[in-house]
Amino acid sequence: MKRLIIVTGFESSGSVFAARIVSFVLGKCSKFGDWNGYGWNGKYGEESVIIHRSMPYMRNPKRWINDLENEIALLKDYSREFIICTRDLNISRISRIKRFGGTHSDYKNDDKRAAEIFSRIISEEKYFILNLETAIALGDAYYQGLFAWLNVETNFSPNIIDANKPYIKNI
């Protein structure tokens, strides 16, 4: 069966990085980084399609899971698998404020809605949770778990950078 892999997560949770990894190990790119990790990699009819959509995605208006469902309507004959990316939400919110503006309260509300979406996905769909802090702590072993879940044999080792370091004061 054809595969649709949807990489999603809270904004600023490492989901773009995860989408790029998945795209590479599934052979959608000849080298890591050929795809920027945003939007779609693949199109209807191909054996696999990888889509990255944070929750929310886009701005003015923000788009959510219902918009994604409309976007992928043609892919109903594909198996659906989700990779949900998580990260310390306080750090994620600070990152979003720096990138997009807005307030901590705005993003807290977005996170609440996103968490409801991810809870539904967990209860209804095939999923893998990729947590940035765990990936940093465990490195290759954690990514090998992701690759096994994807049913891909690879010795690829993504260069893992501690993206939280700029947000945490040195003690």
N, C-alpha and C. Protein backbone atom coordinates (compact mmCIF):
# COMPACT_ATOMS: atom_id res chain seq x y z
N MET A 1 0.84 -1.18 0.00
CA MET A 1 0.00 0.00 0.00
C MET A 1 0.89 1.25 0.00
N LYS A 2 0.42 2.29 -0.62
CA LYS A 2 1.13 3.55 -0.63
C LYS A 2 1.07 4.20 0.74
N ARG A 3 2.13 4.93 1.09
CA ARG A 3 2.26 5.50 2.43
C ARG A 3 2.17 7.02 2.42
N LEU A 4 1.40 7.52 3.35
CA LEU A 4 1.35 8.94 3.64
C LEU A 4 1.89 9.10 5.06
N ILE A 5 3.02 9.79 5.16
CA ILE A 5 3.61 10.07 6.46
C ILE A 5 3.39 11.56 6.73
N ILE A 6 2.67 11.85 7.80
CA ILE A 6 2.41 13.23 8.17
C ILE A 6 3.25 13.53 9.41
N VAL A 7 4.17 14.46 9.25
CA VAL A 7 4.99 14.90 10.37
C VAL A 7 4.36 16.17 10.89
N THR A 8 3.97 16.13 12.14
CA THR A 8 3.30 17.27 12.75
C THR A 8 3.88 17.48 14.14
N GLY A 9 3.39 18.45 14.82
CA GLY A 9 3.85 18.72 16.18
C GLY A 9 3.57 20.16 16.53
N PHE A 10 3.89 20.49 17.76
CA PHE A 10 3.79 21.87 18.18
C PHE A 10 4.78 22.68 17.34
N GLU A 11 4.43 23.93 17.03
CA GLU A 11 5.38 24.76 16.31
C GLU A 11 6.68 24.86 17.12
N SER A 12 7.80 24.92 16.42
CA SER A 12 9.13 25.00 17.05
C SER A 12 9.42 23.78 17.92
N SER A 13 9.03 22.61 17.43
CA SER A 13 9.27 21.37 18.18
C SER A 13 10.27 20.45 17.49
N GLY A 14 10.86 20.90 16.39
CA GLY A 14 11.79 20.05 15.65
C GLY A 14 11.13 19.28 14.52
N SER A 15 9.90 19.62 14.19
CA SER A 15 9.16 18.86 13.18
C SER A 15 9.73 19.03 11.78
N VAL A 16 10.29 20.18 11.46
CA VAL A 16 10.91 20.37 10.14
C VAL A 16 12.11 19.44 10.01
N PHE A 17 12.94 19.40 11.05
CA PHE A 17 14.10 18.52 11.08
C PHE A 17 13.66 17.06 10.93
N ALA A 18 12.61 16.68 11.66
CA ALA A 18 12.09 15.32 11.59
C ALA A 18 11.59 14.99 10.19
N ALA A 19 10.88 15.93 9.56
CA ALA A 19 10.37 15.70 8.21
C ALA A 19 11.52 15.49 7.22
N ARG A 20 12.59 16.24 7.38
CA ARG A 20 13.75 16.09 6.51
C ARG A 20 14.41 14.72 6.71
N ILE A 21 14.49 14.26 7.94
CA ILE A 21 15.05 12.94 8.23
C ILE A 21 14.20 11.85 7.59
N VAL A 22 12.90 11.91 7.83
CA VAL A 22 11.98 10.89 7.28
C VAL A 22 12.05 10.87 5.76
N SER A 23 12.05 12.02 5.17
CA SER A 23 12.12 12.12 3.71
C SER A 23 13.39 11.45 3.18
N PHE A 24 14.49 11.68 3.84
CA PHE A 24 15.76 11.10 3.40
C PHE A 24 15.77 9.58 3.57
N VAL A 25 15.41 9.08 4.75
CA VAL A 25 15.51 7.64 4.97
C VAL A 25 14.48 6.85 4.17
N LEU A 26 13.40 7.51 3.74
CA LEU A 26 12.42 6.83 2.88
C LEU A 26 12.76 6.97 1.40
N GLY A 27 13.90 7.59 1.10
CA GLY A 27 14.36 7.68 -0.28
C GLY A 27 13.70 8.76 -1.11
N LYS A 28 13.07 9.72 -0.47
CA LYS A 28 12.44 10.82 -1.20
C LYS A 28 13.47 11.90 -1.58
N CYS A 29 14.67 11.79 -1.04
CA CYS A 29 15.77 12.71 -1.35
C CYS A 29 17.03 11.87 -1.59
N SER A 30 17.85 12.30 -2.53
CA SER A 30 19.09 11.57 -2.78
C SER A 30 20.14 11.86 -1.71
N LYS A 31 20.06 13.03 -1.08
CA LYS A 31 20.95 13.32 0.05
C LYS A 31 20.18 14.12 1.09
N PHE A 32 20.61 13.97 2.34
CA PHE A 32 19.93 14.65 3.43
C PHE A 32 20.00 16.15 3.21
N GLY A 33 18.84 16.81 3.30
CA GLY A 33 18.77 18.25 3.12
C GLY A 33 18.31 18.68 1.75
N ASP A 34 18.12 17.72 0.81
CA ASP A 34 17.60 18.10 -0.52
C ASP A 34 16.21 18.72 -0.43
N TRP A 35 15.44 18.27 0.54
CA TRP A 35 14.11 18.85 0.77
C TRP A 35 14.20 19.71 2.02
N ASN A 36 13.56 20.87 2.00
CA ASN A 36 13.66 21.80 3.13
C ASN A 36 12.78 21.42 4.31
N GLY A 37 11.89 20.45 4.14
CA GLY A 37 11.06 19.99 5.26
C GLY A 37 9.72 20.69 5.40
N TYR A 38 9.41 21.62 4.51
CA TYR A 38 8.15 22.35 4.59
C TYR A 38 7.17 21.86 3.52
N GLY A 39 5.91 21.72 3.91
CA GLY A 39 4.88 21.35 2.94
C GLY A 39 4.94 19.88 2.56
N TRP A 40 4.87 19.63 1.27
CA TRP A 40 4.79 18.27 0.72
C TRP A 40 6.11 17.87 0.10
N ASN A 41 6.47 16.60 0.27
CA ASN A 41 7.53 15.98 -0.53
C ASN A 41 6.89 14.75 -1.17
N GLY A 42 6.51 14.91 -2.40
CA GLY A 42 5.81 13.86 -3.13
C GLY A 42 4.47 14.38 -3.58
N LYS A 43 3.83 13.58 -4.43
CA LYS A 43 2.52 13.96 -4.93
C LYS A 43 1.67 12.70 -5.12
N TYR A 44 0.41 12.92 -5.30
CA TYR A 44 -0.53 11.81 -5.45
C TYR A 44 -0.04 10.87 -6.55
N GLY A 45 -0.07 9.58 -6.26
CA GLY A 45 0.35 8.56 -7.20
C GLY A 45 1.71 7.97 -6.87
N GLU A 46 2.56 8.72 -6.17
CA GLU A 46 3.86 8.21 -5.78
C GLU A 46 3.70 7.20 -4.65
N GLU A 47 4.68 6.32 -4.50
CA GLU A 47 4.63 5.27 -3.47
C GLU A 47 4.56 5.84 -2.06
N SER A 48 5.24 6.95 -1.84
CA SER A 48 5.18 7.57 -0.52
C SER A 48 5.13 9.08 -0.68
N VAL A 49 4.39 9.69 0.23
CA VAL A 49 4.28 11.14 0.30
C VAL A 49 4.54 11.52 1.75
N ILE A 50 5.43 12.48 1.93
CA ILE A 50 5.70 13.00 3.27
C ILE A 50 5.17 14.42 3.30
N ILE A 51 4.41 14.72 4.33
CA ILE A 51 3.87 16.06 4.50
C ILE A 51 4.26 16.56 5.88
N HIS A 52 4.75 17.79 5.94
CA HIS A 52 5.02 18.42 7.22
C HIS A 52 4.00 19.53 7.44
N ARG A 53 3.32 19.46 8.56
CA ARG A 53 2.39 20.50 8.96
C ARG A 53 2.41 20.61 10.48
N SER A 54 2.99 21.70 11.00
CA SER A 54 2.90 21.97 12.43
C SER A 54 1.44 22.28 12.75
N MET A 55 1.10 22.21 14.01
CA MET A 55 -0.23 22.63 14.43
C MET A 55 -0.08 23.80 15.36
N PRO A 56 -0.51 25.00 14.99
CA PRO A 56 -1.08 25.33 13.69
C PRO A 56 0.02 25.51 12.64
N TYR A 57 -0.43 25.58 11.39
CA TYR A 57 0.49 25.94 10.32
C TYR A 57 -0.11 27.14 9.58
N MET A 58 0.78 27.88 8.96
CA MET A 58 0.40 29.13 8.26
C MET A 58 0.01 30.20 9.30
N ARG A 59 -0.23 31.36 8.80
CA ARG A 59 -0.62 32.52 9.61
C ARG A 59 -1.68 33.29 8.85
N ASN A 60 -2.55 33.93 9.59
CA ASN A 60 -3.56 34.83 9.02
C ASN A 60 -4.33 34.24 7.85
N PRO A 61 -5.12 33.26 7.99
CA PRO A 61 -5.46 32.62 9.25
C PRO A 61 -4.55 31.42 9.53
N LYS A 62 -4.53 31.04 10.79
CA LYS A 62 -3.84 29.81 11.17
C LYS A 62 -4.64 28.64 10.64
N ARG A 63 -3.94 27.61 10.24
CA ARG A 63 -4.61 26.40 9.76
C ARG A 63 -4.38 25.26 10.73
N TRP A 64 -5.39 24.37 10.77
CA TRP A 64 -5.39 23.29 11.75
C TRP A 64 -5.67 21.96 11.04
N ILE A 65 -5.99 20.95 11.80
CA ILE A 65 -6.14 19.58 11.28
C ILE A 65 -7.24 19.48 10.22
N ASN A 66 -8.34 20.22 10.37
CA ASN A 66 -9.40 20.15 9.37
C ASN A 66 -8.91 20.64 8.01
N ASP A 67 -8.07 21.67 8.03
CA ASP A 67 -7.48 22.17 6.78
C ASP A 67 -6.57 21.11 6.17
N LEU A 68 -5.82 20.43 7.03
CA LEU A 68 -4.95 19.35 6.54
C LEU A 68 -5.77 18.22 5.94
N GLU A 69 -6.86 17.86 6.59
CA GLU A 69 -7.73 16.79 6.06
C GLU A 69 -8.23 17.16 4.67
N ASN A 70 -8.60 18.40 4.45
CA ASN A 70 -9.03 18.85 3.13
C ASN A 70 -7.88 18.78 2.13
N GLU A 71 -6.70 19.15 2.58
CA GLU A 71 -5.51 19.17 1.74
C GLU A 71 -5.12 17.77 1.24
N ILE A 72 -5.35 16.76 2.07
CA ILE A 72 -4.92 15.41 1.72
C ILE A 72 -6.07 14.52 1.23
N ALA A 73 -7.20 15.10 0.94
CA ALA A 73 -8.38 14.32 0.55
C ALA A 73 -8.11 13.35 -0.60
N LEU A 74 -7.27 13.73 -1.55
CA LEU A 74 -6.95 12.85 -2.68
C LEU A 74 -6.18 11.60 -2.27
N LEU A 75 -5.55 11.64 -1.11
CA LEU A 75 -4.68 10.55 -0.67
C LEU A 75 -5.41 9.52 0.20
N LYS A 76 -6.71 9.40 0.03
CA LYS A 76 -7.49 8.51 0.89
C LYS A 76 -7.13 7.03 0.71
N ASP A 77 -6.50 6.68 -0.41
CA ASP A 77 -6.11 5.28 -0.62
C ASP A 77 -4.70 4.99 -0.10
N TYR A 78 -4.09 5.93 0.58
CA TYR A 78 -2.77 5.76 1.19
C TYR A 78 -2.94 5.35 2.65
N SER A 79 -2.00 4.55 3.16
CA SER A 79 -1.98 4.32 4.61
C SER A 79 -1.54 5.63 5.25
N ARG A 80 -2.06 5.91 6.42
CA ARG A 80 -1.72 7.16 7.12
C ARG A 80 -0.93 6.85 8.37
N GLU A 81 0.20 7.53 8.49
CA GLU A 81 1.05 7.38 9.66
C GLU A 81 1.46 8.78 10.10
N PHE A 82 1.47 8.98 11.40
CA PHE A 82 1.80 10.31 11.94
C PHE A 82 3.05 10.24 12.79
N ILE A 83 3.88 11.24 12.64
CA ILE A 83 4.99 11.47 13.57
C ILE A 83 4.66 12.78 14.26
N ILE A 84 4.48 12.69 15.57
CA ILE A 84 4.12 13.86 16.38
C ILE A 84 5.37 14.32 17.11
N CYS A 85 5.79 15.55 16.84
CA CYS A 85 6.99 16.10 17.45
C CYS A 85 6.64 16.95 18.66
N THR A 86 7.39 16.73 19.73
CA THR A 86 7.18 17.49 20.96
C THR A 86 8.50 18.07 21.44
N ARG A 87 8.38 19.04 22.29
CA ARG A 87 9.54 19.73 22.87
C ARG A 87 9.05 20.44 24.12
N ASP A 88 9.97 20.81 25.01
CA ASP A 88 9.58 21.61 26.15
C ASP A 88 8.76 22.80 25.65
N LEU A 89 7.51 22.90 26.07
CA LEU A 89 6.61 23.91 25.51
C LEU A 89 6.99 25.34 25.89
N ASN A 90 7.62 25.54 27.03
CA ASN A 90 8.05 26.90 27.36
C ASN A 90 9.13 27.37 26.40
N ILE A 91 10.07 26.51 26.08
CA ILE A 91 11.11 26.86 25.12
C ILE A 91 10.49 27.05 23.74
N SER A 92 9.58 26.17 23.38
CA SER A 92 8.90 26.29 22.09
C SER A 92 8.17 27.64 21.98
N ARG A 93 7.49 28.05 23.04
CA ARG A 93 6.77 29.32 23.00
C ARG A 93 7.72 30.51 22.89
N ILE A 94 8.82 30.48 23.61
CA ILE A 94 9.81 31.57 23.50
C ILE A 94 10.34 31.64 22.08
N SER A 95 10.61 30.50 21.48
CA SER A 95 11.09 30.46 20.10
C SER A 95 10.07 31.07 19.15
N ARG A 96 8.80 30.73 19.34
CA ARG A 96 7.75 31.26 18.48
C ARG A 96 7.58 32.77 18.66
N ILE A 97 7.66 33.24 19.88
CA ILE A 97 7.55 34.68 20.12
C ILE A 97 8.67 35.41 19.39
N LYS A 98 9.88 34.86 19.44
CA LYS A 98 11.01 35.48 18.74
C LYS A 98 10.83 35.43 17.23
N ARG A 99 10.28 34.34 16.71
CA ARG A 99 10.13 34.17 15.27
C ARG A 99 8.94 34.93 14.70
N PHE A 100 7.80 34.84 15.39
CA PHE A 100 6.55 35.32 14.82
C PHE A 100 5.93 36.51 15.55
N GLY A 101 6.45 36.86 16.72
CA GLY A 101 5.78 37.85 17.56
C GLY A 101 4.66 37.18 18.33
N GLY A 102 3.79 37.93 18.90
CA GLY A 102 2.68 37.37 19.67
C GLY A 102 3.05 37.26 21.14
N THR A 103 2.14 36.67 21.89
CA THR A 103 2.32 36.59 23.34
C THR A 103 2.38 35.13 23.81
N HIS A 104 2.91 34.97 25.00
CA HIS A 104 2.96 33.65 25.62
C HIS A 104 1.55 33.07 25.73
N SER A 105 0.59 33.91 26.07
CA SER A 105 -0.80 33.48 26.22
C SER A 105 -1.38 32.99 24.88
N ASP A 106 -1.08 33.70 23.80
CA ASP A 106 -1.55 33.28 22.47
C ASP A 106 -1.07 31.86 22.16
N TYR A 107 0.21 31.62 22.40
CA TYR A 107 0.78 30.32 22.05
C TYR A 107 0.35 29.23 23.03
N LYS A 108 0.07 29.62 24.25
CA LYS A 108 -0.46 28.64 25.21
C LYS A 108 -1.82 28.13 24.71
N ASN A 109 -2.64 29.04 24.17
CA ASN A 109 -3.94 28.64 23.61
C ASN A 109 -3.75 27.76 22.38
N ASP A 110 -2.79 28.11 21.51
CA ASP A 110 -2.49 27.26 20.35
C ASP A 110 -2.07 25.87 20.80
N ASP A 111 -1.23 25.81 21.84
CA ASP A 111 -0.73 24.52 22.32
C ASP A 111 -1.86 23.65 22.88
N LYS A 112 -2.82 24.29 23.53
CA LYS A 112 -3.96 23.54 24.07
C LYS A 112 -4.75 22.90 22.92
N ARG A 113 -5.01 23.68 21.88
CA ARG A 113 -5.74 23.15 20.72
C ARG A 113 -4.92 22.06 20.02
N ALA A 114 -3.62 22.29 19.86
CA ALA A 114 -2.76 21.30 19.22
C ALA A 114 -2.74 20.00 20.04
N ALA A 115 -2.67 20.11 21.35
CA ALA A 115 -2.65 18.92 22.21
C ALA A 115 -3.93 18.10 22.03
N GLU A 116 -5.05 18.76 21.86
CA GLU A 116 -6.31 18.05 21.62
C GLU A 116 -6.25 17.29 20.29
N ILE A 117 -5.66 17.92 19.28
CA ILE A 117 -5.50 17.27 17.97
C ILE A 117 -4.59 16.05 18.10
N PHE A 118 -3.46 16.22 18.79
CA PHE A 118 -2.51 15.11 18.93
C PHE A 118 -3.11 13.97 19.75
N SER A 119 -3.91 14.30 20.74
CA SER A 119 -4.59 13.26 21.54
C SER A 119 -5.53 12.44 20.66
N ARG A 120 -6.25 13.11 19.77
CA ARG A 120 -7.13 12.39 18.85
C ARG A 120 -6.32 11.49 17.92
N ILE A 121 -5.22 12.02 17.38
CA ILE A 121 -4.37 11.21 16.50
C ILE A 121 -3.88 9.98 17.24
N ILE A 122 -3.42 10.15 18.47
CA ILE A 122 -2.91 9.02 19.26
C ILE A 122 -3.99 7.97 19.48
N SER A 123 -5.22 8.39 19.66
CA SER A 123 -6.28 7.41 19.91
C SER A 123 -6.80 6.75 18.64
N GLU A 124 -6.56 7.36 17.46
CA GLU A 124 -7.18 6.84 16.23
C GLU A 124 -6.22 6.40 15.13
N GLU A 125 -4.97 6.80 15.19
CA GLU A 125 -4.06 6.60 14.06
C GLU A 125 -2.79 5.87 14.48
N LYS A 126 -2.03 5.43 13.50
CA LYS A 126 -0.70 4.88 13.74
C LYS A 126 0.22 6.08 13.94
N TYR A 127 1.01 6.07 15.03
CA TYR A 127 1.81 7.25 15.34
C TYR A 127 3.14 6.88 16.01
N PHE A 128 4.06 7.81 15.94
CA PHE A 128 5.33 7.76 16.66
C PHE A 128 5.52 9.15 17.25
N ILE A 129 5.92 9.22 18.51
CA ILE A 129 6.19 10.51 19.12
C ILE A 129 7.69 10.73 19.13
N LEU A 130 8.10 11.82 18.52
CA LEU A 130 9.51 12.19 18.48
C LEU A 130 9.69 13.41 19.38
N ASN A 131 10.38 13.21 20.49
CA ASN A 131 10.60 14.28 21.46
C ASN A 131 12.01 14.81 21.32
N LEU A 132 12.14 16.12 21.14
CA LEU A 132 13.43 16.74 20.90
C LEU A 132 14.42 16.48 22.04
N GLU A 133 13.98 16.64 23.29
CA GLU A 133 14.89 16.43 24.42
C GLU A 133 15.35 14.97 24.50
N THR A 134 14.47 14.03 24.23
CA THR A 134 14.86 12.63 24.25
C THR A 134 15.83 12.32 23.11
N ALA A 135 15.58 12.89 21.95
CA ALA A 135 16.49 12.69 20.81
C ALA A 135 17.87 13.23 21.12
N ILE A 136 17.94 14.38 21.78
CA ILE A 136 19.22 14.96 22.16
C ILE A 136 19.93 14.04 23.16
N ALA A 137 19.18 13.54 24.13
CA ALA A 137 19.77 12.71 25.19
C ALA A 137 20.23 11.35 24.68
N LEU A 138 19.43 10.71 23.82
CA LEU A 138 19.73 9.34 23.41
C LEU A 138 20.42 9.23 22.05
N GLY A 139 20.33 10.27 21.25
CA GLY A 139 21.03 10.28 19.96
C GLY A 139 20.61 9.16 19.02
N ASP A 140 21.60 8.48 18.47
CA ASP A 140 21.36 7.47 17.43
C ASP A 140 20.38 6.39 17.86
N ALA A 141 20.44 5.96 19.12
CA ALA A 141 19.54 4.89 19.57
C ALA A 141 18.08 5.31 19.40
N TYR A 142 17.79 6.55 19.68
CA TYR A 142 16.42 7.04 19.55
C TYR A 142 16.00 7.07 18.09
N TYR A 143 16.88 7.57 17.24
CA TYR A 143 16.56 7.63 15.81
C TYR A 143 16.44 6.25 15.21
N GLN A 144 17.22 5.28 15.71
CA GLN A 144 17.07 3.92 15.22
C GLN A 144 15.67 3.38 15.56
N GLY A 145 15.12 3.81 16.68
CA GLY A 145 13.74 3.45 17.02
C GLY A 145 12.75 4.02 16.02
N LEU A 146 12.97 5.27 15.62
CA LEU A 146 12.13 5.88 14.58
C LEU A 146 12.25 5.11 13.27
N PHE A 147 13.48 4.77 12.88
CA PHE A 147 13.68 4.06 11.61
C PHE A 147 13.04 2.68 11.64
N ALA A 148 13.11 2.00 12.78
CA ALA A 148 12.44 0.69 12.91
C ALA A 148 10.94 0.87 12.78
N TRP A 149 10.38 1.91 13.40
CA TRP A 149 8.95 2.18 13.30
C TRP A 149 8.56 2.44 11.84
N LEU A 150 9.43 3.13 11.10
CA LEU A 150 9.19 3.40 9.68
C LEU A 150 9.44 2.16 8.81
N ASN A 151 9.98 1.10 9.43
CA ASN A 151 10.33 -0.13 8.73
C ASN A 151 11.41 0.12 7.67
N VAL A 152 12.44 0.87 8.08
CA VAL A 152 13.55 1.23 7.20
C VAL A 152 14.85 0.82 7.87
N GLU A 153 15.67 0.09 7.14
CA GLU A 153 17.01 -0.23 7.64
C GLU A 153 17.98 0.80 7.09
N THR A 154 18.64 1.49 7.99
CA THR A 154 19.61 2.51 7.59
C THR A 154 20.60 2.72 8.72
N ASN A 155 21.77 3.13 8.35
CA ASN A 155 22.75 3.51 9.37
C ASN A 155 22.89 5.03 9.42
N PHE A 156 21.95 5.74 8.82
CA PHE A 156 21.97 7.20 8.82
C PHE A 156 21.95 7.71 10.25
N SER A 157 22.76 8.70 10.50
CA SER A 157 22.86 9.29 11.82
C SER A 157 22.74 10.81 11.67
N PRO A 158 21.58 11.37 11.98
CA PRO A 158 21.44 12.82 11.83
C PRO A 158 22.33 13.56 12.81
N ASN A 159 22.86 14.67 12.36
CA ASN A 159 23.66 15.52 13.23
C ASN A 159 22.72 16.23 14.19
N ILE A 160 22.78 15.85 15.45
CA ILE A 160 21.85 16.37 16.45
C ILE A 160 22.48 17.55 17.17
N ILE A 161 21.79 18.66 17.10
CA ILE A 161 22.24 19.89 17.77
C ILE A 161 21.27 20.19 18.90
N ASP A 162 21.82 20.57 20.04
CA ASP A 162 20.97 20.93 21.17
C ASP A 162 20.34 22.29 20.92
N ALA A 163 19.15 22.28 20.35
CA ALA A 163 18.45 23.52 20.01
C ALA A 163 17.89 24.23 21.24
N ASN A 164 17.94 23.59 22.39
CA ASN A 164 17.44 24.22 23.61
C ASN A 164 18.50 25.08 24.29
N LYS A 165 19.75 24.81 24.00
CA LYS A 165 20.85 25.48 24.70
C LYS A 165 20.72 27.00 24.71
N PRO A 166 20.36 27.66 23.60
CA PRO A 166 20.25 29.13 23.63
C PRO A 166 19.16 29.65 24.58
N TYR A 167 18.22 28.80 24.97
CA TYR A 167 17.10 29.24 25.79
C TYR A 167 17.30 28.95 27.28
N ILE A 168 18.37 28.27 27.62
CA ILE A 168 18.59 27.89 29.01
C ILE A 168 19.85 28.59 29.52
N LYS A 169 19.71 29.30 30.62
CA LYS A 169 20.86 29.99 31.21
C LYS A 169 21.84 28.98 31.75
N ASN A 170 23.11 29.29 31.59
CA ASN A 170 24.15 28.44 32.19
C ASN A 170 24.10 28.62 33.71
N ILE A 171 24.26 27.53 34.39
CA ILE A 171 24.25 27.58 35.86
C ILE A 171 25.66 27.75 36.35
